[in-house]
Amino acid sequence: MSQGDFVRQMDSGSSAIYGAPSHWHKIHMDLPLLLLLMVLAGAGLFILYSASGQSAHYVNRQLSYYGVGLLVMLITAQVPPRFLERWATIPYIGGVALLVGVLFFGIGAKGAQRWLEIGGFRFQPSEILKIAVPLMLASYLARRPLPPNFKHVFFSLVFIAIPPLLVVLQPDLGTAILIAVSGFFVLFLAGLPKRYLGFALLAAVVVLPLMWLYGLRDYQRQRILTMFDPEADKLGAGWNIIQSTIAIGSGGIDGKGWMRGTQSQLDFLPESHTDFIIAVLAEEFGLVGVLLLMTLFLLIIVRCVIISLRAQSMFGRLLAGSLTLTFFVYIFVNMGMVSGILPVVGVPLPFMSYGGTSVVTLMLGFGMLMSVSTERKRPG
């Protein structure tokens, strides 16, 4: 048998195993995930119209954000995972530089300085680090023996710690925690030894009281205390949670109907089109609507888990797994915050809350997941 015959037989066998790639696979799009995201985006626009007081302005802007995000996702999906792995330090360093820029040139709003404006476009650099940190950690750890030893764990923790420390100075404690968590997920998936987890828990027991006394601002402490007793300050710190839980409870099983929720339509519910948008959904569509949304989120997470398990490289598994877990944490924190079981930390609900930087960043992450999904097995 000649070498050419052998190669042709191998190619034929490969086609039999993997099948001919579909048109979607050729453009590196995972069709099930894409369809689920489009349904979620459509539901988000539907609820946003009611939550924003029937404002076509908000809906049109959000639709434009989805368009930009879709383009970003499509472009990112074309980038091979090995390229992402090789150049992962660039978005990390760039993101840290932007965070430093926020401290000196940032735009302030509501007592915080979190935004930059370049060429008339305003964005929140901390959102970028939610992707850049797990990307950097996945690249760093995938090139080293796993589970990681003490040296690699130490340097990983340094990489994780720098962005949250800069974000805390803005101040934005909620985003800082989410960035740190996204990096920790990579360490966890890389097989972090149990003894290090024990050390982390012990350190938390020691550090948390010190953070309460010296690391948190007065309003941050008040948010935590309000979680336990919102009635203590009904017209102040407890207002958001009280109105949110009233909206959720008044929706009952099947809700009051689209655009018929009193808490949002009469402006009792603050930030109804951003952080508290699920309270609008619960009031207008009840428990049924919330369960349908949670089912949609669950299907997306399951699909992302399948992509993670099928990844053809360690880098792909670490990156896809950490992005999936981070997506779940966004959902859990927002729903917990709105329902009163977690402090109010200003975390938007993915694809539902109004906001440009958040949508584009999420689509960037899903573009990376699709890149991992359509990667062929690496030779050797």
Protein backbone atom coordinates (compact mmCIF):
# COMPACT_ATOMS: atom_id res chain seq x y z
CA MET A 1 0.00 0.00 0.00
CA SER A 2 1.40 3.40 -0.98
CA GLN A 3 1.59 6.34 1.38
CA GLY A 4 -1.03 8.18 -0.69
CA ASP A 5 -3.46 5.23 -0.39
CA PHE A 6 -2.90 5.16 3.37
CA VAL A 7 -3.66 8.88 3.71
CA ARG A 8 -6.83 8.54 1.61
CA GLN A 9 -8.02 5.64 3.77
CA MET A 10 -7.35 7.65 6.93
CA ASP A 11 -9.31 10.60 5.55
CA SER A 12 -12.18 8.26 4.64
CA GLY A 13 -12.13 6.75 8.12
CA SER A 14 -12.10 10.19 9.69
CA SER A 15 -15.15 11.21 7.67
CA ALA A 16 -16.95 8.05 8.78
CA ILE A 17 -16.24 8.81 12.41
CA TYR A 18 -16.94 12.55 12.47
CA GLY A 19 -19.27 12.87 9.48
CA ALA A 20 -19.16 15.62 6.92
CA PRO A 21 -19.11 19.01 8.60
CA SER A 22 -22.38 20.94 8.35
CA HIS A 23 -22.65 24.45 6.98
CA TRP A 24 -22.92 25.75 10.55
CA HIS A 25 -19.82 23.83 11.54
CA LYS A 26 -17.93 25.34 8.62
CA ILE A 27 -18.55 28.84 9.94
CA HIS A 28 -17.80 27.62 13.48
CA MET A 29 -21.31 28.14 14.81
CA ASP A 30 -22.87 25.73 17.30
CA LEU A 31 -26.46 25.71 16.05
CA PRO A 32 -28.21 24.50 19.26
CA LEU A 33 -26.43 27.12 21.34
CA LEU A 34 -27.05 29.84 18.74
CA LEU A 35 -30.78 29.12 18.61
CA LEU A 36 -31.07 29.12 22.40
CA LEU A 37 -29.26 32.45 22.64
CA MET A 38 -31.51 33.99 19.98
CA VAL A 39 -34.63 32.85 21.84
CA LEU A 40 -33.22 34.30 25.07
CA ALA A 41 -32.39 37.61 23.37
CA GLY A 42 -35.89 37.79 21.91
CA ALA A 43 -37.42 37.18 25.33
CA GLY A 44 -35.16 39.89 26.75
CA LEU A 45 -36.41 42.47 24.22
CA PHE A 46 -40.03 41.45 24.91
CA ILE A 47 -39.68 42.01 28.65
CA LEU A 48 -37.50 45.11 28.25
CA TYR A 49 -40.26 46.88 26.31
CA SER A 50 -42.58 46.55 29.29
CA ALA A 51 -39.91 47.13 31.96
CA SER A 52 -38.73 50.36 30.30
CA GLY A 53 -42.23 51.83 30.23
CA GLN A 54 -42.87 50.88 26.58
CA SER A 55 -39.78 52.77 25.46
CA ALA A 56 -38.84 52.05 21.84
CA HIS A 57 -35.56 53.87 22.51
CA TYR A 58 -34.34 51.26 25.00
CA VAL A 59 -35.50 48.37 22.82
CA ASN A 60 -33.83 49.76 19.69
CA ARG A 61 -30.56 50.39 21.52
CA GLN A 62 -30.62 46.92 23.04
CA LEU A 63 -31.33 45.47 19.62
CA SER A 64 -28.28 47.31 18.28
CA TYR A 65 -26.22 45.89 21.16
CA TYR A 66 -27.39 42.40 20.22
CA GLY A 67 -26.37 43.08 16.62
CA VAL A 68 -22.88 44.17 17.66
CA GLY A 69 -22.66 41.22 20.05
CA LEU A 70 -23.71 38.77 17.33
CA LEU A 71 -21.00 40.14 15.04
CA VAL A 72 -18.42 39.86 17.85
CA MET A 73 -19.53 36.28 18.54
CA LEU A 74 -19.29 35.33 14.86
CA ILE A 75 -15.79 36.82 14.51
CA THR A 76 -14.55 35.29 17.78
CA ALA A 77 -15.85 31.85 16.78
CA GLN A 78 -13.54 31.93 13.76
CA VAL A 79 -10.46 32.27 15.99
CA PRO A 80 -8.94 28.83 16.68
CA PRO A 81 -8.59 27.92 20.36
CA ARG A 82 -4.83 27.43 19.91
CA PHE A 83 -4.60 31.08 18.78
CA LEU A 84 -6.59 32.19 21.84
CA GLU A 85 -4.28 30.13 24.01
CA ARG A 86 -1.15 31.65 22.49
CA TRP A 87 -2.24 35.28 22.74
CA ALA A 88 -4.32 35.17 25.95
CA THR A 89 -2.00 37.60 27.76
CA ILE A 90 -2.89 40.49 25.41
CA PRO A 91 -6.56 40.95 26.46
CA TYR A 92 -5.53 40.45 30.10
CA ILE A 93 -2.83 43.13 30.00
CA GLY A 94 -5.05 45.40 27.91
CA GLY A 95 -7.94 44.98 30.35
CA VAL A 96 -5.74 45.77 33.36
CA ALA A 97 -4.43 48.88 31.56
CA LEU A 98 -8.01 50.02 30.93
CA LEU A 99 -8.85 49.52 34.62
CA VAL A 100 -5.90 51.73 35.55
CA GLY A 101 -7.20 54.27 33.01
CA VAL A 102 -10.61 54.26 34.74
CA LEU A 103 -8.98 55.36 38.00
CA PHE A 104 -7.48 58.44 36.30
CA PHE A 105 -9.80 59.24 33.39
CA GLY A 106 -12.99 57.36 34.21
CA ILE A 107 -16.50 58.76 34.04
CA GLY A 108 -18.41 58.80 37.31
CA ALA A 109 -22.07 58.06 37.94
CA LYS A 110 -24.05 57.35 41.12
CA GLY A 111 -20.97 57.68 43.33
CA ALA A 112 -18.82 55.28 41.30
CA GLN A 113 -16.19 55.74 38.60
CA ARG A 114 -16.47 52.66 36.37
CA TRP A 115 -16.70 53.82 32.75
CA LEU A 116 -14.39 55.03 30.01
CA GLU A 117 -15.46 57.01 26.96
CA ILE A 118 -13.48 56.67 23.74
CA GLY A 119 -14.66 58.25 20.51
CA GLY A 120 -18.10 58.91 21.99
CA PHE A 121 -18.53 55.27 22.97
CA ARG A 122 -18.90 54.60 26.70
CA PHE A 123 -18.06 51.17 28.07
CA GLN A 124 -17.20 49.44 31.36
CA PRO A 125 -13.69 47.88 31.22
CA SER A 126 -14.35 45.62 34.20
CA GLU A 127 -16.74 43.59 32.02
CA ILE A 128 -13.83 42.69 29.73
CA LEU A 129 -11.92 41.15 32.65
CA LYS A 130 -14.74 38.67 33.25
CA ILE A 131 -13.54 37.02 30.03
CA ALA A 132 -9.86 38.01 30.05
CA VAL A 133 -9.09 36.50 33.47
CA PRO A 134 -10.36 32.93 32.78
CA LEU A 135 -8.80 33.14 29.30
CA MET A 136 -5.42 34.05 30.80
CA LEU A 137 -5.62 31.41 33.54
CA ALA A 138 -6.72 28.67 31.12
CA SER A 139 -3.74 29.46 28.87
CA TYR A 140 -1.31 29.55 31.79
CA LEU A 141 -2.42 26.29 33.41
CA ALA A 142 -3.03 24.30 30.21
CA ARG A 143 0.69 24.56 29.40
CA ARG A 144 1.75 23.16 32.75
CA PRO A 145 1.43 19.80 34.53
CA LEU A 146 -1.92 19.30 36.23
CA PRO A 147 -2.99 19.34 38.95
CA PRO A 148 -1.08 22.57 39.55
CA ASN A 149 1.69 22.65 42.14
CA PHE A 150 2.20 25.38 44.74
CA LYS A 151 4.23 27.61 42.41
CA HIS A 152 1.62 27.57 39.67
CA VAL A 153 -1.22 28.07 42.15
CA PHE A 154 0.61 31.08 43.61
CA PHE A 155 1.14 32.76 40.23
CA SER A 156 -2.44 31.96 39.25
CA LEU A 157 -3.72 33.70 42.37
CA VAL A 158 -1.58 36.74 41.54
CA PHE A 159 -3.10 36.88 38.04
CA ILE A 160 -6.57 36.54 39.55
CA ALA A 161 -6.05 39.16 42.28
CA ILE A 162 -4.80 42.14 40.24
CA PRO A 163 -8.01 43.00 38.30
CA PRO A 164 -10.42 42.68 41.29
CA LEU A 165 -8.19 44.92 43.40
CA LEU A 166 -8.39 47.62 40.72
CA VAL A 167 -12.16 47.16 40.37
CA VAL A 168 -12.69 47.50 44.14
CA LEU A 169 -11.14 50.98 43.93
CA GLN A 170 -13.88 52.16 41.53
CA PRO A 171 -15.70 50.99 43.79
CA ASP A 172 -17.54 47.92 42.45
CA LEU A 173 -17.33 45.05 44.91
CA GLY A 174 -19.86 42.85 43.11
CA THR A 175 -17.99 42.88 39.79
CA ALA A 176 -14.68 42.40 41.59
CA ILE A 177 -16.00 39.24 43.24
CA LEU A 178 -17.34 37.91 39.92
CA ILE A 179 -13.99 38.47 38.21
CA ALA A 180 -12.18 36.65 41.01
CA VAL A 181 -14.69 33.80 40.89
CA SER A 182 -14.25 33.41 37.11
CA GLY A 183 -10.51 32.93 37.61
CA PHE A 184 -10.96 30.59 40.56
CA PHE A 185 -13.19 28.34 38.44
CA VAL A 186 -10.23 27.72 36.10
CA LEU A 187 -8.07 26.71 39.07
CA PHE A 188 -10.83 24.45 40.36
CA LEU A 189 -11.31 22.76 36.98
CA ALA A 190 -7.54 22.30 36.65
CA GLY A 191 -7.66 20.00 39.67
CA LEU A 192 -6.76 22.33 42.54
CA PRO A 193 -5.64 20.04 45.41
CA LYS A 194 -8.09 19.79 48.30
CA ARG A 195 -5.53 21.05 50.79
CA TYR A 196 -5.45 24.40 48.99
CA LEU A 197 -9.23 24.60 49.21
CA GLY A 198 -8.90 24.03 52.95
CA PHE A 199 -6.34 26.82 53.21
CA ALA A 200 -8.66 29.10 51.24
CA LEU A 201 -11.57 28.44 53.60
CA LEU A 202 -9.34 29.06 56.61
CA ALA A 203 -8.07 32.30 55.09
CA ALA A 204 -11.66 33.41 54.42
CA VAL A 205 -12.58 32.85 58.08
CA VAL A 206 -9.69 35.11 59.09
CA VAL A 207 -10.07 37.75 56.37
CA LEU A 208 -13.85 38.24 56.31
CA PRO A 209 -14.09 39.93 59.75
CA LEU A 210 -11.22 42.24 58.77
CA MET A 211 -12.95 43.07 55.48
CA TRP A 212 -16.15 43.87 57.36
CA LEU A 213 -14.34 46.27 59.69
CA TYR A 214 -11.85 47.88 57.32
CA GLY A 215 -12.46 46.79 53.71
CA LEU A 216 -16.14 47.63 53.16
CA ARG A 217 -17.67 51.07 52.84
CA ASP A 218 -20.66 52.05 54.92
CA TYR A 219 -23.17 51.57 52.08
CA GLN A 220 -21.74 48.10 51.34
CA ARG A 221 -22.21 47.05 54.97
CA GLN A 222 -25.72 48.48 54.83
CA ARG A 223 -26.56 46.35 51.79
CA ILE A 224 -25.53 43.19 53.62
CA LEU A 225 -27.49 44.13 56.75
CA THR A 226 -30.51 45.04 54.60
CA MET A 227 -30.51 41.52 53.17
CA PHE A 228 -31.31 40.17 56.64
CA ASP A 229 -33.84 42.86 57.59
CA PRO A 230 -35.07 45.05 54.71
CA GLU A 231 -37.92 46.34 56.87
CA ALA A 232 -35.42 48.19 59.09
CA ASP A 233 -35.13 50.95 56.46
CA LYS A 234 -38.24 50.71 54.32
CA LEU A 235 -37.81 54.01 52.50
CA GLY A 236 -34.03 53.82 52.20
CA ALA A 237 -31.72 50.85 51.79
CA GLY A 238 -34.58 48.33 52.00
CA TRP A 239 -36.76 49.97 49.33
CA ASN A 240 -35.38 48.05 46.33
CA ILE A 241 -35.73 44.61 47.91
CA ILE A 242 -39.16 45.32 49.38
CA GLN A 243 -40.56 46.52 46.04
CA SER A 244 -38.91 43.64 44.21
CA THR A 245 -40.36 40.97 46.50
CA ILE A 246 -43.78 42.62 46.30
CA ALA A 247 -43.61 42.46 42.50
CA ILE A 248 -42.50 38.82 42.51
CA GLY A 249 -45.16 37.77 45.03
CA SER A 250 -48.00 39.67 43.37
CA GLY A 251 -47.42 37.83 40.09
CA GLY A 252 -48.74 34.60 41.54
CA ILE A 253 -48.77 31.54 39.31
CA ASP A 254 -49.54 33.01 35.89
CA GLY A 255 -48.96 36.74 36.42
CA LYS A 256 -50.95 39.90 35.74
CA GLY A 257 -50.28 40.05 32.02
CA TRP A 258 -47.78 41.79 29.77
CA MET A 259 -47.42 45.51 30.60
CA ARG A 260 -49.95 45.17 33.44
CA GLY A 261 -47.55 44.94 36.38
CA THR A 262 -48.27 47.74 38.83
CA GLN A 263 -44.87 47.80 40.57
CA SER A 264 -42.94 48.44 37.36
CA GLN A 265 -45.52 50.43 35.38
CA LEU A 266 -46.10 52.85 38.29
CA ASP A 267 -42.34 53.18 38.91
CA PHE A 268 -42.32 51.64 42.37
CA LEU A 269 -39.69 49.16 41.25
CA PRO A 270 -36.28 50.85 40.78
CA GLU A 271 -33.88 49.79 38.00
CA SER A 272 -36.71 47.75 36.51
CA HIS A 273 -35.10 47.61 33.06
CA THR A 274 -31.63 46.67 34.33
CA ASP A 275 -30.78 44.75 37.51
CA PHE A 276 -34.39 44.05 38.61
CA ILE A 277 -35.88 43.05 35.28
CA ILE A 278 -36.73 39.53 36.43
CA ALA A 279 -39.07 41.04 39.03
CA VAL A 280 -40.98 42.57 36.11
CA LEU A 281 -41.13 39.16 34.44
CA ALA A 282 -42.35 37.54 37.66
CA GLU A 283 -45.09 40.13 38.17
CA GLU A 284 -46.37 40.01 34.59
CA PHE A 285 -45.96 36.28 33.83
CA GLY A 286 -45.86 34.77 37.32
CA LEU A 287 -44.15 31.60 38.40
CA VAL A 288 -44.80 30.04 34.98
CA GLY A 289 -42.82 32.77 33.23
CA VAL A 290 -39.91 32.53 35.67
CA LEU A 291 -39.75 28.74 35.31
CA LEU A 292 -39.74 29.03 31.51
CA LEU A 293 -36.86 31.50 31.69
CA MET A 294 -34.95 29.27 34.11
CA THR A 295 -35.51 26.31 31.79
CA LEU A 296 -34.05 28.33 28.92
CA PHE A 297 -31.03 29.24 31.02
CA LEU A 298 -30.66 25.59 32.03
CA LEU A 299 -30.70 24.41 28.41
CA ILE A 300 -27.97 26.92 27.55
CA ILE A 301 -25.85 25.78 30.49
CA VAL A 302 -26.33 22.10 29.59
CA ARG A 303 -25.26 22.79 26.02
CA CYS A 304 -22.19 24.67 27.27
CA VAL A 305 -21.31 21.77 29.59
CA ILE A 306 -21.52 19.37 26.63
CA ILE A 307 -19.17 21.65 24.68
CA SER A 308 -16.77 21.68 27.64
CA LEU A 309 -16.75 17.89 27.95
CA ARG A 310 -16.18 17.42 24.21
CA ALA A 311 -13.35 19.99 23.98
CA GLN A 312 -10.33 18.63 22.13
CA SER A 313 -7.65 20.27 24.31
CA MET A 314 -7.02 21.00 27.97
CA PHE A 315 -7.12 24.72 27.22
CA GLY A 316 -10.53 24.32 25.59
CA ARG A 317 -11.90 22.34 28.52
CA LEU A 318 -10.65 24.83 31.09
CA LEU A 319 -11.86 27.88 29.16
CA ALA A 320 -15.27 26.50 28.21
CA GLY A 321 -15.87 25.06 31.68
CA SER A 322 -14.96 28.28 33.49
CA LEU A 323 -17.08 30.45 31.15
CA THR A 324 -20.04 28.12 31.69
CA LEU A 325 -19.73 28.24 35.47
CA THR A 326 -19.32 32.02 35.39
CA PHE A 327 -22.49 32.36 33.29
CA PHE A 328 -24.33 30.28 35.91
CA VAL A 329 -23.02 32.52 38.71
CA TYR A 330 -24.31 35.66 36.95
CA ILE A 331 -27.79 34.13 36.83
CA PHE A 332 -27.67 32.86 40.40
CA VAL A 333 -26.41 36.15 41.86
CA ASN A 334 -28.95 38.30 40.01
CA MET A 335 -31.89 36.08 40.92
CA GLY A 336 -30.67 35.79 44.50
CA MET A 337 -30.25 39.55 44.72
CA VAL A 338 -33.70 40.33 43.31
CA SER A 339 -35.42 37.77 45.55
CA GLY A 340 -33.66 39.03 48.69
CA ILE A 341 -31.46 36.04 49.52
CA LEU A 342 -28.25 37.85 48.47
CA PRO A 343 -27.12 41.47 48.92
CA VAL A 344 -27.82 43.95 46.13
CA VAL A 345 -24.53 44.09 44.18
CA GLY A 346 -25.62 45.43 40.79
CA VAL A 347 -25.19 42.29 38.67
CA PRO A 348 -27.34 42.29 35.48
CA LEU A 349 -29.31 39.25 34.35
CA PRO A 350 -27.61 37.88 31.20
CA PHE A 351 -29.36 38.84 27.94
CA MET A 352 -32.35 40.23 29.85
CA SER A 353 -31.08 43.37 31.58
CA TYR A 354 -30.51 46.48 29.48
CA GLY A 355 -26.85 47.25 28.82
CA GLY A 356 -24.35 47.23 25.97
CA THR A 357 -21.01 46.24 27.47
CA SER A 358 -22.55 43.29 29.31
CA VAL A 359 -24.26 41.92 26.17
CA VAL A 360 -21.19 42.27 23.96
CA THR A 361 -18.94 40.67 26.60
CA LEU A 362 -21.33 37.73 26.99
CA MET A 363 -21.44 37.22 23.23
CA LEU A 364 -17.65 37.34 23.16
CA GLY A 365 -17.56 34.52 25.70
CA PHE A 366 -20.09 32.46 23.74
CA GLY A 367 -18.02 33.03 20.61
CA MET A 368 -15.09 31.41 22.41
CA LEU A 369 -17.33 28.51 23.41
CA MET A 370 -18.36 28.02 19.78
CA SER A 371 -14.73 28.10 18.72
CA VAL A 372 -14.02 25.32 21.23
CA SER A 373 -17.14 23.44 20.08
CA THR A 374 -16.06 23.26 16.44
CA GLU A 375 -12.34 22.61 17.02
CA ARG A 376 -11.00 19.44 15.45
CA LYS A 377 -8.85 17.13 17.52
CA ARG A 378 -5.26 18.32 17.60
CA PRO A 379 -2.74 16.01 15.92
CA GLY A 380 -0.24 14.11 18.10
